[in-house]
Protein backbone atom coordinates (compact mmCIF):
# COMPACT_ATOMS: atom_id res chain seq x y z
CA MET A 1 -42.55 -35.97 -121.89
CA ARG A 2 -39.42 -36.08 -124.26
CA ARG A 3 -37.05 -34.25 -122.11
CA ILE A 4 -38.32 -35.65 -118.58
CA LEU A 5 -38.51 -39.33 -119.57
CA PRO A 6 -34.39 -39.32 -120.00
CA THR A 7 -34.11 -37.71 -116.57
CA LEU A 8 -36.55 -40.08 -115.13
CA ALA A 9 -34.72 -43.27 -116.44
CA ALA A 10 -31.21 -42.02 -114.83
CA GLY A 11 -33.16 -41.15 -111.49
CA LEU A 12 -34.08 -44.93 -111.68
CA GLY A 13 -31.00 -46.06 -112.40
CA LEU A 14 -29.33 -44.92 -109.41
CA LEU A 15 -32.14 -45.63 -107.34
CA VAL A 16 -32.30 -49.09 -108.63
CA SER A 17 -28.47 -49.20 -107.97
CA SER A 18 -28.84 -48.61 -104.16
CA LEU A 19 -32.16 -50.77 -103.95
CA VAL A 20 -30.21 -53.69 -105.40
CA THR A 21 -27.29 -53.26 -102.63
CA ALA A 22 -29.39 -52.92 -99.73
CA GLY A 23 -29.46 -55.40 -97.13
CA PRO A 24 -32.20 -58.33 -96.77
CA ALA A 25 -34.45 -58.56 -94.10
CA ALA A 26 -34.27 -60.48 -90.87
CA ALA A 27 -35.76 -63.69 -90.98
CA ALA A 28 -38.63 -64.81 -88.48
CA PRO A 29 -37.64 -66.70 -85.71
CA ASP A 30 -38.31 -70.43 -85.94
CA GLN A 31 -41.35 -72.52 -84.33
CA GLY A 32 -40.85 -75.50 -82.36
CA ASP A 33 -43.00 -78.93 -83.77
CA GLN A 34 -46.39 -79.21 -82.57
CA PRO A 35 -49.16 -81.49 -83.41
CA GLU A 36 -51.05 -78.62 -85.11
CA GLN A 37 -55.06 -78.75 -86.00
CA TRP A 38 -57.45 -75.76 -86.32
CA ARG A 39 -60.37 -76.17 -83.81
CA SER A 40 -62.56 -73.51 -82.81
CA TYR A 41 -66.38 -72.20 -82.06
CA TRP A 42 -68.04 -69.48 -84.01
CA VAL A 43 -69.40 -67.09 -80.77
CA ASP A 44 -72.07 -65.16 -82.41
CA ALA A 45 -73.26 -61.31 -81.08
CA PHE A 46 -76.82 -62.33 -81.23
CA ASN A 47 -76.74 -64.46 -78.32
CA GLU A 48 -75.23 -65.43 -75.00
CA GLY A 49 -71.31 -65.07 -75.28
CA VAL A 50 -69.18 -62.13 -74.69
CA TYR A 51 -72.20 -59.37 -73.43
CA THR A 52 -70.78 -60.07 -69.81
CA PRO A 53 -67.14 -61.32 -67.64
CA GLU A 54 -69.06 -64.18 -66.68
CA GLN A 55 -70.79 -65.25 -70.36
CA ALA A 56 -66.68 -64.81 -71.56
CA ALA A 57 -65.00 -66.94 -68.51
CA ARG A 58 -68.01 -69.48 -69.80
CA ALA A 59 -67.25 -69.55 -73.42
CA VAL A 60 -63.49 -70.06 -72.29
CA GLU A 61 -64.58 -72.91 -70.36
CA ASP A 62 -66.56 -74.44 -72.96
CA ALA A 63 -63.65 -73.97 -75.82
CA LEU A 64 -61.43 -75.75 -73.51
CA ALA A 65 -63.79 -78.99 -73.39
CA ILE A 66 -63.91 -79.78 -76.30
CA ASN A 67 -59.86 -79.05 -76.57
CA ALA A 68 -60.50 -75.82 -78.89
CA ASN A 69 -57.43 -73.71 -79.77
CA ALA A 70 -59.56 -70.87 -81.16
CA LEU A 71 -62.54 -68.65 -80.87
CA ILE A 72 -64.00 -66.66 -83.62
CA VAL A 73 -66.03 -64.00 -81.80
CA GLN A 74 -68.31 -61.56 -83.86
CA THR A 75 -66.84 -57.99 -83.40
CA GLY A 76 -68.21 -56.46 -86.32
CA ARG A 77 -71.56 -57.33 -86.41
CA ARG A 78 -73.69 -55.12 -88.48
CA TYR A 79 -71.39 -52.16 -89.17
CA ASP A 80 -71.56 -51.81 -84.55
CA CYS A 81 -68.57 -53.06 -82.71
CA PHE A 82 -68.87 -55.40 -79.55
CA CYS A 83 -65.73 -52.90 -78.84
CA ASN A 84 -65.24 -49.14 -77.54
CA ARG A 85 -61.76 -48.94 -79.67
CA ALA A 86 -63.09 -49.04 -83.47
CA LEU A 87 -63.90 -46.64 -86.03
CA TYR A 88 -67.31 -49.09 -85.97
CA PRO A 89 -69.27 -47.52 -83.15
CA ARG A 90 -70.14 -49.25 -80.19
CA THR A 91 -73.37 -52.02 -80.17
CA ASP A 92 -76.80 -51.27 -79.07
CA ALA A 93 -77.00 -54.56 -77.38
CA ALA A 94 -77.38 -55.39 -74.11
CA VAL A 95 -73.72 -55.88 -72.82
CA ASN A 96 -72.50 -54.56 -69.86
CA PRO A 97 -72.31 -51.17 -70.25
CA ALA A 98 -68.97 -48.89 -70.81
CA PRO A 99 -66.12 -48.98 -69.72
CA TYR A 100 -66.51 -52.87 -70.16
CA ASP A 101 -65.33 -53.94 -73.35
CA PRO A 102 -66.44 -56.83 -75.15
CA LEU A 103 -63.05 -58.13 -77.23
CA ASP A 104 -60.97 -56.85 -74.67
CA GLU A 105 -62.74 -59.32 -72.32
CA ILE A 106 -62.41 -62.39 -74.34
CA ILE A 107 -58.81 -61.58 -75.11
CA GLU A 108 -58.14 -61.63 -71.93
CA GLN A 109 -59.77 -63.85 -70.61
CA ALA A 110 -59.00 -66.56 -73.85
CA HIS A 111 -55.51 -65.61 -73.78
CA ALA A 112 -54.71 -66.85 -70.27
CA ALA A 113 -56.05 -70.16 -71.24
CA GLY A 114 -54.12 -70.54 -73.94
CA LEU A 115 -56.51 -69.54 -76.69
CA GLU A 116 -56.41 -67.37 -79.89
CA VAL A 117 -58.87 -64.59 -80.73
CA HIS A 118 -60.34 -64.01 -83.73
CA ALA A 119 -62.32 -61.08 -84.39
CA TRP A 120 -65.44 -61.80 -86.60
CA VAL A 121 -66.56 -58.67 -88.58
CA ASN A 122 -69.48 -58.89 -90.89
CA VAL A 123 -68.16 -57.07 -94.18
CA ASN A 124 -71.31 -56.34 -96.51
CA THR A 125 -74.24 -56.47 -93.96
CA LEU A 126 -75.06 -53.23 -93.01
CA TRP A 127 -78.31 -53.58 -90.71
CA ASN A 128 -80.95 -55.65 -90.00
CA SER A 129 -83.50 -54.22 -87.87
CA ALA A 130 -86.72 -51.67 -88.58
CA THR A 131 -84.78 -49.51 -85.63
CA ALA A 132 -81.98 -47.48 -86.85
CA PRO A 133 -78.87 -47.75 -85.18
CA LYS A 134 -78.66 -44.83 -81.78
CA SER A 135 -75.39 -43.77 -83.01
CA PRO A 136 -75.34 -40.99 -85.48
CA GLU A 137 -71.94 -42.10 -86.80
CA HIS A 138 -73.30 -45.32 -87.62
CA VAL A 139 -73.13 -46.35 -91.16
CA PHE A 140 -77.15 -46.63 -91.42
CA ASN A 141 -77.65 -43.30 -90.27
CA GLN A 142 -74.68 -41.39 -92.33
CA HIS A 143 -75.00 -43.29 -95.91
CA GLY A 144 -78.12 -45.52 -95.39
CA PRO A 145 -81.53 -44.58 -97.04
CA THR A 146 -81.99 -40.87 -96.07
CA ALA A 147 -78.90 -40.50 -97.99
CA GLU A 148 -78.58 -39.03 -101.32
CA GLY A 149 -76.16 -39.28 -104.39
CA SER A 150 -72.37 -40.69 -104.16
CA ASP A 151 -73.08 -40.81 -100.17
CA ARG A 152 -75.83 -43.37 -100.56
CA TRP A 153 -73.77 -46.25 -99.98
CA LEU A 154 -77.14 -48.77 -100.40
CA ASN A 155 -76.54 -51.79 -102.34
CA LYS A 156 -79.12 -52.42 -105.03
CA LYS A 157 -80.22 -54.74 -107.10
CA VAL A 158 -81.07 -54.36 -110.75
CA ASP A 159 -85.37 -54.08 -110.25
CA GLY A 160 -83.89 -51.01 -107.62
CA THR A 161 -84.73 -52.82 -104.12
CA GLU A 162 -82.51 -52.17 -101.64
CA PHE A 163 -84.04 -53.92 -98.64
CA GLN A 164 -84.59 -57.67 -97.92
CA GLY A 165 -87.37 -57.41 -95.66
CA ALA A 166 -84.99 -55.09 -92.62
CA ASN A 167 -81.88 -56.37 -93.83
CA VAL A 168 -79.60 -53.90 -96.00
CA TYR A 169 -76.66 -54.15 -97.12
CA VAL A 170 -73.70 -52.01 -98.86
CA ASP A 171 -72.01 -52.23 -102.16
CA PRO A 172 -68.25 -53.26 -102.41
CA GLY A 173 -68.14 -51.56 -105.84
CA HIS A 174 -68.29 -47.84 -104.13
CA PRO A 175 -65.37 -46.80 -103.55
CA ASP A 176 -66.20 -45.17 -100.08
CA VAL A 177 -67.32 -47.98 -99.07
CA ALA A 178 -63.95 -49.94 -99.31
CA ASP A 179 -62.19 -47.35 -97.83
CA TYR A 180 -64.53 -47.41 -94.68
CA ILE A 181 -64.31 -51.11 -94.41
CA VAL A 182 -60.51 -51.29 -95.05
CA LYS A 183 -60.16 -48.69 -92.04
CA ALA A 184 -62.88 -50.44 -90.06
CA ILE A 185 -61.08 -53.92 -89.58
CA SER A 186 -57.67 -51.39 -89.09
CA SER A 187 -58.64 -49.97 -86.52
CA ILE A 188 -59.73 -53.62 -84.37
CA ALA A 189 -56.35 -54.73 -85.74
CA SER A 190 -54.38 -51.96 -84.07
CA GLU A 191 -56.22 -51.28 -81.16
CA TYR A 192 -56.76 -55.06 -79.94
CA ASP A 193 -54.44 -57.57 -79.66
CA VAL A 194 -56.01 -60.19 -81.53
CA ASP A 195 -54.76 -63.52 -83.29
CA GLY A 196 -56.74 -62.36 -86.51
CA VAL A 197 -59.70 -61.15 -88.17
CA ASN A 198 -62.43 -63.22 -89.85
CA LEU A 199 -64.23 -61.83 -92.56
CA ASP A 200 -67.68 -63.45 -93.26
CA TYR A 201 -70.39 -61.55 -96.18
CA ILE A 202 -67.08 -60.73 -98.22
CA ARG A 203 -69.21 -61.19 -101.24
CA TYR A 204 -72.66 -60.01 -102.99
CA PRO A 205 -75.93 -61.09 -100.92
CA ASP A 206 -77.95 -63.74 -101.47
CA HIS A 207 -82.12 -63.21 -102.54
CA ASN A 208 -81.32 -63.34 -106.11
CA SER A 209 -83.47 -64.71 -108.67
CA THR A 210 -81.24 -67.50 -109.98
CA THR A 211 -78.44 -69.44 -108.95
CA THR A 212 -75.96 -68.89 -111.82
CA HIS A 213 -76.15 -65.07 -111.56
CA SER A 214 -76.16 -61.97 -108.94
CA ASP A 215 -78.84 -59.33 -109.03
CA TRP A 216 -76.81 -56.68 -106.90
CA GLY A 217 -74.09 -54.77 -107.26
CA TYR A 218 -76.50 -51.38 -108.90
CA ASN A 219 -75.24 -48.81 -106.62
CA ASP A 220 -75.32 -45.84 -108.84
CA VAL A 221 -72.01 -45.17 -107.86
CA SER A 222 -70.66 -48.72 -109.11
CA VAL A 223 -72.60 -48.45 -112.04
CA GLU A 224 -70.78 -45.66 -113.36
CA ARG A 225 -67.40 -47.28 -112.23
CA PHE A 226 -68.23 -49.67 -114.64
CA GLN A 227 -69.29 -47.89 -117.13
CA GLN A 228 -66.32 -45.94 -117.16
CA ALA A 229 -63.98 -48.90 -117.15
CA THR A 230 -65.70 -50.50 -120.16
CA GLY A 231 -66.23 -47.63 -122.13
CA ARG A 232 -70.13 -48.67 -122.09
CA SER A 233 -73.24 -46.42 -121.06
CA ASP A 234 -75.59 -49.16 -120.62
CA LEU A 235 -77.22 -50.53 -117.72
CA PRO A 236 -75.74 -54.33 -117.64
CA GLU A 237 -77.80 -57.20 -116.94
CA PRO A 238 -76.82 -59.59 -114.24
CA SER A 239 -76.25 -62.19 -116.17
CA ASP A 240 -73.58 -59.81 -118.29
CA ALA A 241 -70.05 -61.76 -118.00
CA GLN A 242 -68.01 -58.16 -118.02
CA TRP A 243 -70.47 -56.97 -115.41
CA THR A 244 -70.07 -60.37 -113.63
CA ASP A 245 -66.43 -60.24 -113.99
CA TRP A 246 -65.72 -56.59 -112.71
CA ARG A 247 -68.42 -57.37 -109.48
CA ARG A 248 -66.53 -60.39 -108.57
CA ASP A 249 -63.39 -58.45 -108.53
CA GLN A 250 -64.50 -55.88 -106.25
CA VAL A 251 -64.94 -58.26 -103.77
CA THR A 252 -61.31 -59.58 -104.80
CA ASN A 253 -59.70 -56.16 -104.63
CA LEU A 254 -61.29 -55.49 -101.20
CA VAL A 255 -59.49 -58.78 -99.54
CA ARG A 256 -56.24 -58.27 -101.33
CA LYS A 257 -56.47 -54.92 -99.59
CA ILE A 258 -57.24 -55.83 -96.45
CA TYR A 259 -55.27 -58.93 -96.57
CA LEU A 260 -52.15 -56.50 -96.95
CA SER A 261 -53.39 -53.44 -94.40
CA LEU A 262 -52.97 -56.28 -91.80
CA TRP A 263 -49.86 -57.46 -92.99
CA ASP A 264 -48.93 -53.92 -92.54
CA ILE A 265 -50.02 -53.74 -89.21
CA ASP A 266 -48.54 -57.02 -87.56
CA PRO A 267 -47.34 -59.60 -90.26
CA GLN A 268 -48.78 -62.72 -87.95
CA THR A 269 -52.51 -61.64 -88.33
CA ARG A 270 -53.84 -64.33 -89.69
CA LEU A 271 -56.74 -63.22 -92.52
CA SER A 272 -59.07 -66.15 -92.78
CA ILE A 273 -62.38 -65.83 -94.63
CA ASN A 274 -65.96 -67.50 -94.14
CA ALA A 275 -66.64 -69.71 -97.48
CA ILE A 276 -69.97 -70.30 -99.03
CA THR A 277 -70.72 -73.73 -100.32
CA TYR A 278 -74.03 -73.57 -100.87
CA GLY A 279 -75.57 -76.83 -102.92
CA ASN A 280 -73.14 -79.52 -104.47
CA GLY A 281 -69.17 -79.54 -104.67
CA PRO A 282 -67.40 -78.21 -107.59
CA GLN A 283 -66.88 -81.57 -109.03
CA ALA A 284 -70.33 -82.42 -109.16
CA VAL A 285 -71.31 -78.94 -110.89
CA GLY A 286 -68.92 -78.84 -113.45
CA GLY A 287 -65.78 -77.00 -111.90
CA TRP A 288 -65.28 -74.04 -109.22
CA GLU A 289 -66.79 -71.85 -112.00
CA SER A 290 -69.76 -73.08 -111.90
CA THR A 291 -70.62 -72.97 -108.49
CA ARG A 292 -73.38 -71.38 -107.02
CA THR A 293 -70.45 -69.42 -104.86
CA TYR A 294 -68.48 -68.37 -107.88
CA GLY A 295 -71.24 -67.59 -109.59
CA GLU A 296 -73.81 -66.31 -107.62
CA VAL A 297 -72.62 -64.46 -104.63
CA LEU A 298 -68.96 -63.66 -106.71
CA GLN A 299 -67.00 -65.08 -103.90
CA ASP A 300 -63.37 -66.53 -105.57
CA TRP A 301 -61.87 -67.78 -102.61
CA VAL A 302 -60.14 -70.52 -104.64
CA GLY A 303 -58.68 -67.58 -106.35
CA TRP A 304 -57.75 -65.44 -102.44
CA LEU A 305 -56.03 -69.00 -101.69
CA ASP A 306 -54.29 -69.19 -105.12
CA GLU A 307 -53.06 -65.29 -104.86
CA GLY A 308 -51.88 -65.73 -101.09
CA ILE A 309 -54.03 -62.68 -100.36
CA THR A 310 -56.13 -65.08 -97.20
CA ASP A 311 -54.31 -67.37 -95.03
CA THR A 312 -57.34 -69.79 -93.66
CA VAL A 313 -60.41 -69.85 -95.55
CA MET A 314 -63.44 -71.17 -93.12
CA THR A 315 -65.97 -73.34 -95.51
CA MET A 316 -69.53 -72.77 -93.75
CA ASN A 317 -70.33 -76.20 -94.93
CA TYR A 318 -73.64 -76.37 -93.20
CA LYS A 319 -75.10 -79.66 -93.99
CA ARG A 320 -77.50 -81.67 -92.70
CA ASN A 321 -75.85 -85.20 -91.56
CA TRP A 322 -79.12 -87.01 -91.87
CA GLN A 323 -80.67 -85.98 -95.19
CA PRO A 324 -78.72 -88.43 -98.03
CA ALA A 325 -78.68 -85.30 -100.30
CA GLN A 326 -77.15 -82.93 -97.79
CA LYS A 327 -74.43 -85.25 -96.71
CA GLN A 328 -73.10 -86.09 -99.79
CA MET A 329 -72.69 -82.20 -100.34
CA TYR A 330 -71.12 -81.95 -97.34
CA SER A 331 -68.70 -84.59 -98.56
CA GLU A 332 -67.85 -83.21 -101.90
CA TRP A 333 -67.08 -79.60 -100.40
CA SER A 334 -65.03 -81.34 -97.20
CA GLU A 335 -62.83 -83.44 -100.29
CA PHE A 336 -62.78 -80.04 -102.44
CA MET A 337 -61.68 -77.75 -99.73
CA ALA A 338 -58.61 -79.87 -98.70
CA ASP A 339 -57.64 -80.65 -102.25
CA ASN A 340 -57.52 -77.31 -103.28
CA GLN A 341 -55.77 -75.61 -100.19
CA MET A 342 -53.31 -73.62 -102.90
CA GLY A 343 -50.50 -73.65 -99.98
CA ARG A 344 -52.71 -72.00 -97.46
CA GLN A 345 -55.20 -73.20 -94.97
CA THR A 346 -58.75 -74.46 -95.05
CA VAL A 347 -60.93 -75.35 -92.30
CA ASN A 348 -64.01 -77.12 -92.13
CA GLY A 349 -66.83 -75.12 -90.79
CA PRO A 350 -69.63 -77.69 -90.01
CA GLY A 351 -73.56 -76.46 -89.20
CA LEU A 352 -73.75 -77.75 -85.51
CA TYR A 353 -77.41 -76.10 -85.60
CA LEU A 354 -78.62 -78.79 -88.28
CA ASN A 355 -77.63 -81.77 -86.90
CA PRO A 356 -77.86 -83.87 -83.12
CA VAL A 357 -74.75 -84.04 -81.65
CA GLU A 358 -73.70 -87.66 -83.26
CA ASP A 359 -73.97 -86.51 -87.06
CA SER A 360 -72.37 -83.42 -85.67
CA VAL A 361 -69.48 -86.01 -84.32
CA GLU A 362 -69.86 -87.87 -87.53
CA GLN A 363 -69.03 -84.48 -89.51
CA ALA A 364 -66.06 -83.61 -87.41
CA LEU A 365 -64.26 -87.10 -88.28
CA GLU A 366 -64.76 -86.91 -92.15
CA ALA A 367 -63.81 -82.63 -91.55
CA VAL A 368 -60.30 -84.00 -90.67
CA ALA A 369 -60.15 -87.46 -92.59
CA PRO A 370 -57.52 -87.33 -95.61
CA THR A 371 -59.44 -87.34 -98.86
CA ALA A 372 -58.49 -89.89 -101.88
CA ALA A 373 -55.56 -88.03 -102.79
CA GLY A 374 -53.80 -88.25 -99.94
CA ASN A 375 -55.34 -84.07 -98.43
CA THR A 376 -56.50 -82.80 -95.09
CA ALA A 377 -58.24 -79.56 -94.18
CA ALA A 378 -56.03 -78.07 -91.45
CA GLY A 379 -59.07 -78.18 -88.76
CA TRP A 380 -62.40 -77.83 -87.74
CA SER A 381 -64.73 -74.80 -86.59
CA GLY A 382 -68.44 -75.52 -85.05
CA TYR A 383 -71.19 -72.83 -86.15
CA ALA A 384 -72.11 -71.98 -83.83
CA TYR A 385 -71.15 -71.89 -79.85
CA ALA A 386 -74.68 -70.64 -79.12
CA ASN A 387 -76.51 -73.52 -80.64
CA PRO A 388 -74.40 -76.73 -80.62
CA SER A 389 -77.20 -79.09 -81.66
CA SER A 390 -80.50 -79.08 -84.00
CA THR A 391 -82.32 -80.09 -80.63
CA HIS A 392 -82.58 -76.98 -78.84
CA VAL A 393 -82.20 -74.29 -81.23
CA ASP A 394 -82.73 -70.99 -79.51
CA GLY A 395 -83.97 -72.73 -76.72
CA SER A 396 -83.26 -72.21 -73.27
CA TRP A 397 -79.75 -71.44 -72.56
CA GLU A 398 -79.72 -74.41 -69.55
CA ASN A 399 -80.67 -76.90 -72.44
CA ARG A 400 -78.27 -75.39 -75.06
CA SER A 401 -75.68 -75.73 -72.37
CA ALA A 402 -76.47 -79.25 -71.71
CA GLU A 403 -76.06 -79.68 -75.69
CA ARG A 404 -72.69 -78.39 -75.76
CA ASP A 405 -71.66 -80.24 -72.74
CA ALA A 406 -72.97 -83.32 -74.53
CA LEU A 407 -71.02 -82.37 -77.82
CA ALA A 408 -67.78 -81.92 -75.83
CA GLU A 409 -68.25 -85.18 -74.40
CA ALA A 410 -68.63 -87.08 -77.77
CA LEU A 411 -65.88 -84.96 -79.33
CA THR A 412 -63.38 -85.76 -76.68
CA THR A 413 -63.58 -88.87 -75.50
CA GLY A 414 -64.02 -92.59 -76.50
CA PRO A 415 -61.62 -94.72 -79.32
CA ASP A 416 -63.04 -92.58 -82.41
CA ALA A 417 -63.33 -88.93 -81.09
CA PRO A 418 -61.59 -86.95 -82.91
CA PHE A 419 -60.61 -84.35 -80.51
CA ALA A 420 -59.30 -86.34 -77.81
CA GLU A 421 -56.06 -85.05 -78.08
CA GLU A 422 -54.89 -81.26 -77.72
CA ALA A 423 -53.60 -79.57 -80.70
CA ALA A 424 -52.07 -76.14 -81.65
CA VAL A 425 -53.28 -73.09 -84.08
CA PRO A 426 -51.70 -74.47 -87.54
CA ASP A 427 -48.57 -72.31 -88.39
CA MET A 428 -48.27 -70.03 -91.44
CA ALA A 429 -45.10 -70.68 -92.76
CA TRP A 430 -45.50 -68.12 -95.34
CA LYS A 431 -45.67 -65.39 -92.38
CA THR A 432 -43.16 -66.60 -89.98
CA LYS A 433 -40.83 -67.67 -92.49
CA PRO A 434 -41.42 -65.80 -95.12
CA GLY A 435 -39.79 -65.92 -98.46
CA GLU A 436 -41.55 -63.57 -100.10
CA GLY A 437 -42.57 -59.55 -100.03
CA HIS A 438 -45.14 -57.43 -101.41
CA VAL A 439 -46.00 -54.07 -102.79
CA THR A 440 -48.65 -51.47 -102.37
CA GLY A 441 -48.92 -47.69 -104.13
CA GLN A 442 -51.54 -44.82 -104.52
CA LEU A 443 -52.04 -42.71 -107.42
CA LYS A 444 -52.99 -39.95 -106.61
CA LEU A 445 -54.40 -36.55 -108.41
CA ARG A 446 -53.19 -33.48 -106.99
CA ASN A 447 -56.77 -32.51 -106.04
CA GLY A 448 -57.00 -35.66 -103.69
CA ASP A 449 -58.74 -37.71 -106.13
CA GLY A 450 -57.34 -41.11 -106.69
CA LEU A 451 -56.87 -42.69 -110.48
CA ASP A 452 -59.65 -45.23 -110.60
CA GLN A 453 -59.67 -48.39 -112.29
CA THR A 454 -55.83 -47.67 -113.51
CA LYS A 455 -53.55 -50.28 -114.60
CA VAL A 456 -49.88 -50.95 -113.13
CA THR A 457 -47.80 -53.80 -113.54
CA LEU A 458 -44.63 -55.08 -111.72
CA LYS A 459 -42.05 -56.49 -113.81
CA PRO A 460 -38.94 -57.71 -112.26
CA LEU A 461 -35.41 -56.19 -112.69
CA THR A 462 -33.31 -58.58 -110.89
CA ASN A 463 -35.20 -62.38 -110.58
CA ARG A 464 -37.23 -64.13 -113.13
CA SER A 465 -40.66 -63.68 -112.20
CA GLN A 466 -43.21 -62.85 -114.46
CA PRO A 467 -44.17 -59.34 -114.86
CA VAL A 468 -47.93 -58.74 -113.24
CA THR A 469 -50.42 -56.34 -113.74
CA ARG A 470 -53.32 -54.92 -111.26
CA VAL A 471 -55.94 -52.60 -111.25
CA ALA A 472 -56.08 -49.20 -108.68
CA ASP A 473 -59.05 -49.11 -106.74
CA GLY A 474 -61.51 -46.29 -106.09
CA ASP A 475 -59.02 -44.48 -104.06
CA GLY A 476 -56.10 -44.93 -106.38
CA TRP A 477 -54.40 -47.76 -104.36
CA PHE A 478 -53.10 -50.79 -105.83
CA GLY A 479 -51.29 -53.54 -104.05
CA PHE A 480 -49.34 -56.78 -105.71
CA ALA A 481 -49.31 -59.56 -102.67
CA HIS A 482 -46.22 -62.23 -102.36
CA VAL A 483 -43.78 -61.62 -104.61
CA ASP A 484 -40.00 -62.70 -105.05
CA PRO A 485 -37.86 -60.92 -103.58
CA GLY A 486 -35.54 -58.34 -105.72
CA VAL A 487 -35.94 -55.32 -107.86
CA TYR A 488 -38.87 -54.18 -109.63
CA LEU A 489 -40.50 -51.32 -112.16
CA VAL A 490 -43.66 -50.57 -111.30
CA THR A 491 -45.16 -49.22 -114.77
CA VAL A 492 -48.60 -46.79 -114.72
CA ASP A 493 -50.88 -46.85 -117.49
CA LEU A 494 -51.99 -43.24 -117.56
CA PRO A 495 -55.19 -42.37 -118.41
CA ARG A 496 -55.24 -39.75 -121.89
CA GLY A 497 -54.84 -36.10 -120.41
CA VAL A 498 -53.17 -37.17 -117.10
CA VAL A 499 -49.29 -36.26 -116.68
CA GLY A 500 -46.59 -37.55 -114.24
CA ALA A 501 -44.04 -40.25 -113.47
CA PRO A 502 -45.45 -43.09 -115.33
CA VAL A 503 -42.51 -45.32 -113.92
CA THR A 504 -40.78 -45.99 -110.72
CA ALA A 505 -38.42 -48.80 -109.24
CA VAL A 506 -38.83 -50.60 -105.48
CA LYS A 507 -36.68 -53.23 -104.11
CA VAL A 508 -38.92 -56.26 -102.52
CA ASP A 509 -37.50 -57.71 -99.25
CA LYS A 510 -38.62 -61.03 -97.52
CA GLY A 511 -41.84 -60.74 -94.81
CA LYS A 512 -41.94 -56.69 -95.92
CA VAL A 513 -44.62 -54.45 -97.31
CA SER A 514 -42.78 -52.04 -99.99
CA GLU A 515 -44.36 -48.66 -101.13
CA ALA A 516 -43.97 -47.72 -104.47
CA LYS A 517 -43.83 -43.94 -104.66
CA LEU A 518 -44.97 -42.29 -107.56
CA GLY A 519 -45.91 -38.70 -106.30
CA SER A 520 -48.85 -37.08 -107.39
CA TYR A 521 -50.80 -36.67 -111.09
CA ILE A 522 -51.89 -33.88 -112.95
CA ASN A 523 -54.83 -34.25 -115.02
CA LEU A 524 -54.77 -31.80 -117.99
CA ARG A 525 -58.35 -32.38 -119.53
C-alpha cells in the first residue's frame, strides 16, 4: 500500500485540477410568478377511479370542480401495478383489459386538463388477500411465504409473526428488497410522463405491542446485517436503542436512494411521501423524537425534509373534527408541519372519510391558514376521492358522488371558501433553480457483492462545506444529497482484509448527480 498511495495521490492531483477547470452546469429556466397552493385528491385503486377511461374522465372532472391542480393516483398498490410498463406486474384488479393502461389514461386526460399526476406507490406493503396474486413474477410468489433463506423478503415481528390477518409486508432492512423497490419505482418514472412519485407505507408496519417502539424488522437477513454492523451476536429487543436507530436508518437510506435515482432520471420529478401523524403532535408529547411516527413506525420525515431527500411531505392528518381530542390533534400536527418545512414543502392531508362535508371544509381552512409563527403549509390533499365524506363511506357510487359534489361546492363557493380561486402547484426552487448538486457511488467487490455498511466520507476541497459521512447500503450504494458545488474527496473506510482505492475525487455541479468512481475491491480474507 505504501507504493500505491503516492501514485494515487498524484493521480488525484491531476483529477482535481481537471475537475476545478470544468465549466458550470446550465441554470434551469425561470418560471413565471403565479399564486401557488397544492390541491389534490388521493385516488385509491381499491375503488373506482381509473379502472376505465370513463372513470378517469370523471376523476379529472371532479378534481377540476374543487379547483385542484394535481391527482395522486394509486399506481403500485400491493406490488401490483395499475400500468403496463413497469417492473411491478400488472394488477389482477378488474380494470379494462390490456392494452388499456390506467396510468397512461389518467396522465393523458389529466394533463390535457392542466392537472399534474403523481404515481402513488405503496412501498412496504406486499399483499393483503388470502388468494395469491396470479402473476408468477409477483414478489409475493417469488419471495413470500414459500421462499426460504435470503430469498424470503417478508418482514417479521420479534415473536416470529409474519402475517397480520391477510396482510404481509417486506422488510426494508433486506438489501434485495430495497434494490427491487428502487428499480420498480424508477421503472414507473422512466416509462411514464408522471409529474412525481408519491411514497406510501415508507415505514415499518403497525400492529405493535406498544406505541413507543416497533416489533418489526426481524427478517433473518436484516438481523444478520445489524449484527455485522454492530459486532453484536444477540437478538435485540424491540426497544433496543441501537437496533431502533439501525432500522430507522434503513428507511432513510431507501428514501435517499429513491430521491437521487429519480433526480438522475428527471430532476423535475417531485418525490412526495405520505407521513404518519398518529396521536398528538410533537409539541404535546415532548418533541419530534417522542412521537409515535419516529418511535413506533420509524419514519423520520422531519429528518428527510431537513436533508432535502423528499420534496414534499403529505401528512396523513386523519382526524375527526367533531371529536374535541382529535380536533386538537389535527391542529397540533397542522401547526407543526407548517412550522417545520426545512426549506421544502408540507401538504396537509385530512381524512375526508372521517368527517361530514362541513367539518372537512373547516379542516381545509385550517390546513392552509398561517400558524402563530406566520408559516403556511404548501397546501391540501383530500383522502380520499372515493369516500369524500363520512356520510356514505363505501356506499353506492351515486351517493358518494353526491357528497363529492357537495364538498366541491362548499370548498369553492361562498365568502369563506378556501379554494374559490384557481392555484398553481408550488414551484420547487431547489429543482427549477438548483444551487446544489449530489454525489452517488457504489462500492463493489470483484465478485459483484456490495461492501455493505461501509462508511464513506465526502470532504470538500474547494468550498467551506463540512465533511459528511454516510453508510453504504446492502448493494454498496451511497449517496450525498444537496451539497455545495465544488470538488470533494470521497474517502472509503475499507473493512479489514479489503483492498482497493480508498479515495477518489469528484466535482459537484449545480443540479447534477455526480458519480464517484472508485473501481472494484478485492477481499483477501
